[in-house]
C-alpha atoms as a PDB file:
ATOM      1  CA  UNK A   1      95.776  84.320 100.832  1.00  0.00           C
ATOM      2  CA  UNK A   2      94.687  87.058  98.501  1.00  0.00           C
ATOM      3  CA  UNK A   3      91.140  87.743  98.339  1.00  0.00           C
ATOM      4  CA  UNK A   4      88.453  87.082  95.451  1.00  0.00           C
ATOM      5  CA  UNK A   5      87.786  89.195  92.643  1.00  0.00           C
ATOM      6  CA  UNK A   6      84.311  90.421  94.218  1.00  0.00           C
ATOM      7  CA  UNK A   7      85.830  91.058  97.634  1.00  0.00           C
ATOM      8  CA  UNK A   8      83.979  94.094  98.610  1.00  0.00           C
ATOM      9  CA  UNK A   9      83.415  94.746 102.290  1.00  0.00           C
ATOM     10  CA  UNK A  10      82.729  97.644 104.303  1.00  0.00           C
ATOM     11  CA  UNK A  11      84.296  98.875 107.445  1.00  0.00           C
ATOM     12  CA  UNK A  12      84.057 102.053 109.154  1.00  0.00           C
ATOM     13  CA  UNK A  13      82.553 102.983 105.884  1.00  0.00           C
ATOM     14  CA  UNK A  14      85.864 102.346 103.835  1.00  0.00           C
ATOM     15  CA  UNK A  15      85.339  99.923 101.062  1.00  0.00           C
ATOM     16  CA  UNK A  16      87.492  96.980 101.521  1.00  0.00           C
ATOM     17  CA  UNK A  17      87.629  95.748  97.783  1.00  0.00           C
ATOM     18  CA  UNK A  18      91.081  95.605  97.824  1.00  0.00           C
ATOM     19  CA  UNK A  19      91.261  92.750 101.088  1.00  0.00           C
ATOM     20  CA  UNK A  20      94.013  90.862 101.048  1.00  0.00           C
ATOM     21  CA  UNK A  21      95.978  92.543  98.168  1.00  0.00           C
ATOM     22  CA  UNK A  22      99.622  92.918  98.363  1.00  0.00           C
ATOM     23  CA  UNK A  23     100.905  96.106  96.685  1.00  0.00           C
ATOM     24  CA  UNK A  24     104.041  97.286  96.549  1.00  0.00           C
ATOM     25  CA  UNK A  25     104.412 100.726  95.789  1.00  0.00           C
ATOM     26  CA  UNK A  26     107.786 102.888  94.523  1.00  0.00           C
ATOM     27  CA  UNK A  27     109.329 105.886  95.811  1.00  0.00           C
ATOM     28  CA  UNK A  28     106.150 106.287  98.446  1.00  0.00           C
ATOM     29  CA  UNK A  29     107.762 108.057 101.287  1.00  0.00           C
ATOM     30  CA  UNK A  30     106.179 111.152 100.733  1.00  0.00           C
ATOM     31  CA  UNK A  31     104.104 113.309  97.922  1.00  0.00           C
ATOM     32  CA  UNK A  32     102.367 111.088  95.218  1.00  0.00           C
ATOM     33  CA  UNK A  33     103.368 108.139  96.336  1.00  0.00           C
ATOM     34  CA  UNK A  34     102.452 108.380  99.763  1.00  0.00           C
ATOM     35  CA  UNK A  35      99.309 109.388  99.256  1.00  0.00           C
ATOM     36  CA  UNK A  36      98.899 105.824  96.880  1.00  0.00           C
ATOM     37  CA  UNK A  37     100.042 103.599  99.285  1.00  0.00           C
ATOM     38  CA  UNK A  38      97.467 105.151 102.365  1.00  0.00           C
ATOM     39  CA  UNK A  39      94.574 105.232  99.375  1.00  0.00           C
ATOM     40  CA  UNK A  40      95.209 101.145  98.712  1.00  0.00           C
ATOM     41  CA  UNK A  41      95.805 100.472 102.837  1.00  0.00           C
ATOM     42  CA  UNK A  42      92.545 102.026 103.371  1.00  0.00           C
ATOM     43  CA  UNK A  43      90.983  99.853 100.386  1.00  0.00           C
ATOM     44  CA  UNK A  44      92.119  96.756 102.289  1.00  0.00           C
ATOM     45  CA  UNK A  45      95.606  96.122 100.938  1.00  0.00           C
ATOM     46  CA  UNK A  46      99.068  95.189 102.296  1.00  0.00           C
ATOM     47  CA  UNK A  47     101.447  97.661 100.955  1.00  0.00           C
ATOM     48  CA  UNK A  48     105.583  98.090 101.070  1.00  0.00           C
ATOM     49  CA  UNK A  49     107.128 100.840  99.754  1.00  0.00           C
ATOM     50  CA  UNK A  50     110.462 101.975  98.412  1.00  0.00           C
ATOM     51  CA  UNK A  51     112.103 105.458  99.341  1.00  0.00           C
ATOM     52  CA  UNK A  52     116.203 106.463  99.286  1.00  0.00           C
ATOM     53  CA  UNK A  53     116.378 109.614 101.111  1.00  0.00           C
ATOM     54  CA  UNK A  54     113.541 109.643 103.725  1.00  0.00           C
ATOM     55  CA  UNK A  55     113.596 107.065 106.226  1.00  0.00           C
ATOM     56  CA  UNK A  56     111.526 108.828 108.592  1.00  0.00           C
ATOM     57  CA  UNK A  57     109.082 109.893 106.359  1.00  0.00           C
ATOM     58  CA  UNK A  58     108.471 106.562 105.301  1.00  0.00           C
ATOM     59  CA  UNK A  59     108.245 105.330 108.521  1.00  0.00           C
ATOM     60  CA  UNK A  60     105.224 107.585 109.036  1.00  0.00           C
ATOM     61  CA  UNK A  61     103.829 105.736 105.932  1.00  0.00           C
ATOM     62  CA  UNK A  62     103.893 102.649 107.225  1.00  0.00           C
ATOM     63  CA  UNK A  63     102.483 103.563 110.941  1.00  0.00           C
ATOM     64  CA  UNK A  64      99.604 105.263 108.786  1.00  0.00           C
ATOM     65  CA  UNK A  65      99.570 101.475 106.860  1.00  0.00           C
ATOM     66  CA  UNK A  66      99.567 100.159 110.183  1.00  0.00           C
ATOM     67  CA  UNK A  67      97.132 102.002 111.714  1.00  0.00           C
ATOM     68  CA  UNK A  68      94.556 100.796 109.043  1.00  0.00           C
ATOM     69  CA  UNK A  69      94.702  97.052 109.956  1.00  0.00           C
ATOM     70  CA  UNK A  70      97.427  96.324 107.461  1.00  0.00           C
ATOM     71  CA  UNK A  71     100.651  94.884 106.883  1.00  0.00           C
ATOM     72  CA  UNK A  72     103.467  97.714 106.135  1.00  0.00           C
ATOM     73  CA  UNK A  73     107.346  97.694 104.851  1.00  0.00           C
ATOM     74  CA  UNK A  74     109.464  99.866 104.028  1.00  0.00           C
ATOM     75  CA  UNK A  75     112.205  99.179 101.505  1.00  0.00           C
ATOM     76  CA  UNK A  76     115.255 101.485 100.710  1.00  0.00           C
ATOM     77  CA  UNK A  77     116.214 101.096  97.565  1.00  0.00           C
ATOM     78  CA  UNK A  78     117.324 103.621  94.548  1.00  0.00           C
ATOM     79  CA  UNK A  79     115.496 102.981  91.574  1.00  0.00           C
ATOM     80  CA  UNK A  80     118.420 104.116  89.452  1.00  0.00           C
ATOM     81  CA  UNK A  81     120.412 101.016  90.500  1.00  0.00           C
ATOM     82  CA  UNK A  82     118.839  97.915  88.213  1.00  0.00           C
ATOM     83  CA  UNK A  83     119.949  95.643  91.158  1.00  0.00           C
ATOM     84  CA  UNK A  84     118.306  97.372  93.883  1.00  0.00           C
ATOM     85  CA  UNK A  85     115.636  98.013  91.731  1.00  0.00           C
ATOM     86  CA  UNK A  86     115.345  93.764  91.217  1.00  0.00           C
ATOM     87  CA  UNK A  87     115.965  93.442  95.081  1.00  0.00           C
ATOM     88  CA  UNK A  88     113.152  95.399  96.123  1.00  0.00           C
ATOM     89  CA  UNK A  89     110.509  93.721  94.408  1.00  0.00           C
ATOM     90  CA  UNK A  90     112.031  90.517  95.644  1.00  0.00           C
ATOM     91  CA  UNK A  91     111.750  91.771  99.581  1.00  0.00           C
ATOM     92  CA  UNK A  92     108.370  93.099  98.975  1.00  0.00           C
ATOM     93  CA  UNK A  93     107.297  89.585  97.745  1.00  0.00           C
ATOM     94  CA  UNK A  94     109.294  87.792 100.636  1.00  0.00           C
ATOM     95  CA  UNK A  95     107.849  90.073 103.492  1.00  0.00           C
ATOM     96  CA  UNK A  96     104.025  90.253 102.381  1.00  0.00           C
ATOM     97  CA  UNK A  97     103.934  86.558 101.052  1.00  0.00           C
ATOM     98  CA  UNK A  98     103.355  87.868  97.235  1.00  0.00           C
ATOM     99  CA  UNK A  99     102.361  90.387  95.224  1.00  0.00           C
ATOM    100  CA  UNK A 100      98.952  90.934  93.132  1.00  0.00           C
ATOM    101  CA  UNK A 101     100.027  95.053  92.473  1.00  0.00           C
ATOM    102  CA  UNK A 102     102.628  96.863  91.269  1.00  0.00           C
ATOM    103  CA  UNK A 103     102.655 101.139  91.268  1.00  0.00           C
ATOM    104  CA  UNK A 104     105.851 102.115  89.423  1.00  0.00           C
ATOM    105  CA  UNK A 105     105.845 105.624  91.090  1.00  0.00           C
ATOM    106  CA  UNK A 106     109.457 106.593  91.631  1.00  0.00           C
ATOM    107  CA  UNK A 107     110.428 109.750  89.745  1.00  0.00           C
ATOM    108  CA  UNK A 108     112.560 112.529  89.694  1.00  0.00           C
ATOM    109  CA  UNK A 109     112.612 115.403  87.761  1.00  0.00           C
ATOM    110  CA  UNK A 110     116.169 117.620  85.999  1.00  0.00           C
ATOM    111  CA  UNK A 111     114.847 120.627  84.324  1.00  0.00           C
ATOM    112  CA  UNK A 112     117.236 122.929  82.036  1.00  0.00           C
ATOM    113  CA  UNK A 113     117.712 123.440  78.511  1.00  0.00           C
ATOM    114  CA  UNK A 114     118.900 120.088  76.593  1.00  0.00           C
ATOM    115  CA  UNK A 115     122.028 122.075  75.539  1.00  0.00           C
ATOM    116  CA  UNK A 116     123.372 122.052  79.427  1.00  0.00           C
ATOM    117  CA  UNK A 117     121.903 118.923  80.617  1.00  0.00           C
ATOM    118  CA  UNK A 118     124.967 116.767  81.326  1.00  0.00           C
ATOM    119  CA  UNK A 119     124.892 113.226  80.376  1.00  0.00           C
ATOM    120  CA  UNK A 120     124.651 112.637  84.260  1.00  0.00           C
ATOM    121  CA  UNK A 121     121.825 114.169  84.587  1.00  0.00           C
ATOM    122  CA  UNK A 122     119.775 112.652  81.520  1.00  0.00           C
ATOM    123  CA  UNK A 123     120.697 109.567  82.714  1.00  0.00           C
ATOM    124  CA  UNK A 124     119.345 109.864  86.133  1.00  0.00           C
ATOM    125  CA  UNK A 125     115.873 110.845  84.651  1.00  0.00           C
ATOM    126  CA  UNK A 126     115.721 108.264  82.343  1.00  0.00           C
ATOM    127  CA  UNK A 127     116.825 105.576  84.717  1.00  0.00           C
ATOM    128  CA  UNK A 128     114.520 106.441  87.005  1.00  0.00           C
ATOM    129  CA  UNK A 129     111.783 107.401  85.295  1.00  0.00           C
ATOM    130  CA  UNK A 130     111.467 104.965  82.831  1.00  0.00           C
ATOM    131  CA  UNK A 131     114.223 101.784  83.162  1.00  0.00           C
ATOM    132  CA  UNK A 132     113.116 101.747  86.800  1.00  0.00           C
ATOM    133  CA  UNK A 133     109.244 100.730  85.861  1.00  0.00           C
ATOM    134  CA  UNK A 134     109.922  98.288  83.386  1.00  0.00           C
ATOM    135  CA  UNK A 135     112.810  96.349  85.440  1.00  0.00           C
ATOM    136  CA  UNK A 136     110.480  96.388  88.640  1.00  0.00           C
ATOM    137  CA  UNK A 137     107.561  95.323  86.377  1.00  0.00           C
ATOM    138  CA  UNK A 138     109.813  92.876  85.341  1.00  0.00           C
ATOM    139  CA  UNK A 139     110.749  91.469  88.013  1.00  0.00           C
ATOM    140  CA  UNK A 140     106.925  91.562  89.275  1.00  0.00           C
ATOM    141  CA  UNK A 141     105.929  89.528  86.594  1.00  0.00           C
ATOM    142  CA  UNK A 142     106.798  86.337  87.903  1.00  0.00           C
ATOM    143  CA  UNK A 143     105.197  86.508  90.985  1.00  0.00           C
ATOM    144  CA  UNK A 144     101.522  88.326  89.219  1.00  0.00           C
ATOM    145  CA  UNK A 145      98.711  85.589  89.166  1.00  0.00           C
ATOM    146  CA  UNK A 146      95.130  86.219  87.275  1.00  0.00           C
ATOM    147  CA  UNK A 147      94.189  89.509  87.841  1.00  0.00           C
ATOM    148  CA  UNK A 148      97.273  90.893  88.863  1.00  0.00           C
ATOM    149  CA  UNK A 149      97.921  94.645  88.058  1.00  0.00           C
ATOM    150  CA  UNK A 150     100.773  97.220  87.022  1.00  0.00           C
ATOM    151  CA  UNK A 151     100.183 100.924  87.378  1.00  0.00           C
ATOM    152  CA  UNK A 152     102.292 103.489  86.504  1.00  0.00           C
ATOM    153  CA  UNK A 153     102.935 106.981  86.857  1.00  0.00           C
ATOM    154  CA  UNK A 154     103.325 109.278  84.507  1.00  0.00           C
ATOM    155  CA  UNK A 155     102.823 112.791  83.868  1.00  0.00           C
ATOM    156  CA  UNK A 156     100.489 115.206  81.725  1.00  0.00           C
ATOM    157  CA  UNK A 157     104.075 116.390  80.320  1.00  0.00           C
ATOM    158  CA  UNK A 158     104.149 113.672  78.701  1.00  0.00           C
ATOM    159  CA  UNK A 159     101.587 114.695  76.055  1.00  0.00           C
ATOM    160  CA  UNK A 160     102.026 118.338  76.260  1.00  0.00           C
ATOM    161  CA  UNK A 161     104.612 120.422  77.306  1.00  0.00           C
ATOM    162  CA  UNK A 162     103.791 123.921  77.429  1.00  0.00           C
ATOM    163  CA  UNK A 163     107.050 125.241  78.708  1.00  0.00           C
ATOM    164  CA  UNK A 164     110.896 125.193  77.967  1.00  0.00           C
ATOM    165  CA  UNK A 165     113.083 123.349  79.458  1.00  0.00           C
ATOM    166  CA  UNK A 166     111.440 120.485  80.357  1.00  0.00           C
ATOM    167  CA  UNK A 167     112.430 118.275  77.185  1.00  0.00           C
ATOM    168  CA  UNK A 168     114.063 115.429  78.694  1.00  0.00           C
ATOM    169  CA  UNK A 169     111.712 114.720  81.723  1.00  0.00           C
ATOM    170  CA  UNK A 170     108.982 115.166  79.395  1.00  0.00           C
ATOM    171  CA  UNK A 171     110.972 112.758  77.368  1.00  0.00           C
ATOM    172  CA  UNK A 172     111.360 110.080  79.928  1.00  0.00           C
ATOM    173  CA  UNK A 173     107.234 110.412  80.753  1.00  0.00           C
ATOM    174  CA  UNK A 174     106.414 109.740  77.395  1.00  0.00           C
ATOM    175  CA  UNK A 175     108.081 106.828  77.118  1.00  0.00           C
ATOM    176  CA  UNK A 176     105.583 105.232  79.629  1.00  0.00           C
ATOM    177  CA  UNK A 177     102.716 105.529  77.043  1.00  0.00           C
ATOM    178  CA  UNK A 178     104.469 102.814  74.713  1.00  0.00           C
ATOM    179  CA  UNK A 179     105.601 100.798  77.790  1.00  0.00           C
ATOM    180  CA  UNK A 180     102.229 100.558  78.921  1.00  0.00           C
ATOM    181  CA  UNK A 181     100.651  99.438  75.938  1.00  0.00           C
ATOM    182  CA  UNK A 182     102.923  96.937  74.788  1.00  0.00           C
ATOM    183  CA  UNK A 183     102.845  95.686  78.325  1.00  0.00           C
ATOM    184  CA  UNK A 184      99.256  95.346  78.259  1.00  0.00           C
ATOM    185  CA  UNK A 185      99.503  92.969  75.064  1.00  0.00           C
ATOM    186  CA  UNK A 186     101.981  90.797  76.540  1.00  0.00           C
ATOM    187  CA  UNK A 187     100.307  90.438  79.657  1.00  0.00           C
ATOM    188  CA  UNK A 188      96.070  90.029  78.973  1.00  0.00           C
ATOM    189  CA  UNK A 189      96.696  86.645  77.722  1.00  0.00           C
ATOM    190  CA  UNK A 190      97.195  85.635  81.633  1.00  0.00           C
ATOM    191  CA  UNK A 191      94.394  88.099  82.723  1.00  0.00           C
ATOM    192  CA  UNK A 192      97.120  90.924  84.077  1.00  0.00           C
ATOM    193  CA  UNK A 193      96.177  94.887  83.297  1.00  0.00           C
ATOM    194  CA  UNK A 194      98.960  97.594  82.731  1.00  0.00           C
ATOM    195  CA  UNK A 195      97.492 101.426  82.982  1.00  0.00           C
ATOM    196  CA  UNK A 196      99.291 104.264  82.866  1.00  0.00           C
ATOM    197  CA  UNK A 197      97.611 107.832  85.103  1.00  0.00           C
ATOM    198  CA  UNK A 198      99.077 110.707  84.283  1.00  0.00           C
ATOM    199  CA  UNK A 199      98.767 113.282  87.257  1.00  0.00           C
ATOM    200  CA  UNK A 200      98.970 116.968  86.806  1.00  0.00           C
ATOM    201  CA  UNK A 201      99.690 119.533  89.125  1.00  0.00           C
ATOM    202  CA  UNK A 202      99.602 117.954  92.515  1.00  0.00           C
ATOM    203  CA  UNK A 203      99.944 119.484  96.026  1.00  0.00           C
ATOM    204  CA  UNK A 204     103.726 118.517  97.082  1.00  0.00           C
ATOM    205  CA  UNK A 205     106.808 119.370  98.790  1.00  0.00           C
ATOM    206  CA  UNK A 206     108.306 119.010  94.933  1.00  0.00           C
ATOM    207  CA  UNK A 207     105.766 120.882  93.477  1.00  0.00           C
ATOM    208  CA  UNK A 208     103.787 123.129  95.909  1.00  0.00           C
ATOM    209  CA  UNK A 209     100.114 124.345  95.635  1.00  0.00           C
ATOM    210  CA  UNK A 210     101.989 127.598  96.325  1.00  0.00           C
ATOM    211  CA  UNK A 211     105.243 127.672  94.974  1.00  0.00           C
ATOM    212  CA  UNK A 212     106.716 130.063  92.181  1.00  0.00           C
ATOM    213  CA  UNK A 213     105.154 127.328  89.530  1.00  0.00           C
ATOM    214  CA  UNK A 214     101.976 127.761  90.960  1.00  0.00           C
ATOM    215  CA  UNK A 215     100.163 130.823  89.104  1.00  0.00           C
ATOM    216  CA  UNK A 216     101.654 129.151  85.655  1.00  0.00           C
ATOM    217  CA  UNK A 217     100.289 125.636  86.209  1.00  0.00           C
ATOM    218  CA  UNK A 218      96.614 126.820  88.091  1.00  0.00           C
ATOM    219  CA  UNK A 219      95.788 129.281  84.594  1.00  0.00           C
ATOM    220  CA  UNK A 220      96.501 125.899  82.641  1.00  0.00           C
ATOM    221  CA  UNK A 221      93.868 124.044  83.994  1.00  0.00           C
ATOM    222  CA  UNK A 222      90.230 124.178  83.860  1.00  0.00           C
ATOM    223  CA  UNK A 223      89.358 123.757  87.223  1.00  0.00           C
ATOM    224  CA  UNK A 224      91.737 126.621  88.073  1.00  0.00           C
ATOM    225  CA  UNK A 225      93.273 124.816  91.249  1.00  0.00           C
ATOM    226  CA  UNK A 226      95.920 122.059  92.136  1.00  0.00           C
ATOM    227  CA  UNK A 227      94.982 118.452  92.816  1.00  0.00           C
ATOM    228  CA  UNK A 228      96.121 116.100  96.219  1.00  0.00           C
ATOM    229  CA  UNK A 229      98.039 113.185  96.182  1.00  0.00           C
ATOM    230  CA  UNK A 230      94.747 111.266  97.541  1.00  0.00           C
ATOM    231  CA  UNK A 231      92.922 112.344  93.853  1.00  0.00           C
ATOM    232  CA  UNK A 232      96.057 110.222  92.543  1.00  0.00           C
ATOM    233  CA  UNK A 233      95.347 107.547  95.205  1.00  0.00           C
ATOM    234  CA  UNK A 234      91.964 107.538  94.067  1.00  0.00           C
ATOM    235  CA  UNK A 235      92.738 106.939  90.436  1.00  0.00           C
ATOM    236  CA  UNK A 236      95.010 104.190  91.197  1.00  0.00           C
ATOM    237  CA  UNK A 237      92.941 102.173  93.735  1.00  0.00           C
ATOM    238  CA  UNK A 238      90.025 102.159  91.189  1.00  0.00           C
ATOM    239  CA  UNK A 239      92.287 100.484  88.254  1.00  0.00           C
ATOM    240  CA  UNK A 240      93.828  98.071  90.833  1.00  0.00           C
ATOM    241  CA  UNK A 241      89.967  97.219  92.159  1.00  0.00           C
ATOM    242  CA  UNK A 242      87.764  94.529  90.472  1.00  0.00           C
ATOM    243  CA  UNK A 243      86.312  97.423  89.098  1.00  0.00           C
ATOM    244  CA  UNK A 244      89.256  98.255  86.749  1.00  0.00           C
ATOM    245  CA  UNK A 245      89.050  94.827  86.057  1.00  0.00           C
ATOM    246  CA  UNK A 246      88.050  95.511  82.364  1.00  0.00           C
ATOM    247  CA  UNK A 247      90.934  98.504  81.623  1.00  0.00           C
ATOM    248  CA  UNK A 248      94.577  98.070  80.142  1.00  0.00           C
ATOM    249  CA  UNK A 249      96.385  99.928  78.041  1.00  0.00           C
ATOM    250  CA  UNK A 250      94.411 102.761  78.797  1.00  0.00           C
ATOM    251  CA  UNK A 251      95.802 106.008  80.068  1.00  0.00           C
ATOM    252  CA  UNK A 252      94.064 107.888  82.863  1.00  0.00           C
ATOM    253  CA  UNK A 253      95.035 111.470  83.007  1.00  0.00           C
ATOM    254  CA  UNK A 254      94.229 112.576  86.101  1.00  0.00           C
ATOM    255  CA  UNK A 255      95.292 116.623  85.374  1.00  0.00           C
ATOM    256  CA  UNK A 256      92.209 119.044  86.135  1.00  0.00           C
ATOM    257  CA  UNK A 257      92.027 119.782  82.827  1.00  0.00           C
ATOM    258  CA  UNK A 258      95.744 120.690  81.901  1.00  0.00           C
ATOM    259  CA  UNK A 259      95.909 118.704  78.636  1.00  0.00           C
ATOM    260  CA  UNK A 260      92.473 119.801  77.595  1.00  0.00           C
END
């Protein structure tokens, strides 16, 4: 049974303000998604994750969730496939006994000049980065009660495109701005909040802090450094917590000043 909105316990120094909540984080076998899933579990939530090609990494995330005394569930699903997106939500609801928090985290990147991009690449980016967020949210709405949360992970590149060859990726992420604001209006009367987190340069295997783009990205930030998945996890956990209950339709940019 879900904890009340005011639940706030301490376990080993960690605030358990999500105790009893049930969350689904898409694309969470590694990187930012894994950081989000682990932070939600640290705060008391039971967490289901989706993955596609990384079963061993997904299993490691689930072990970490379980080590915190929470239930964890890994669901294999292709977020580019509409039927599998819906199925993943239903499996999470069944496995966790309900759903309180949906985190639309999954995303892919295809870079290159628009004139040279294939239709397959364009469709893949739009389907995974934008359509899957809409479809997962659509499937989750029936299961979210009062105080439910939908949190989507976008990108600072939705509002600033400082390099060429990012047109389609940035387009897919900018769509999430309107999606968040529109859905917040729809679900506000049900006391369900809908928010967007826009990461900047985060140290992951897809965008390592020692990779080819390190210096250009670092120079564009105000802090002069990359962030960690835990930085995004902390922002998501706040929006999911009682402290975030008065925020909806909001865009939280966690980018070390990349867009300042």
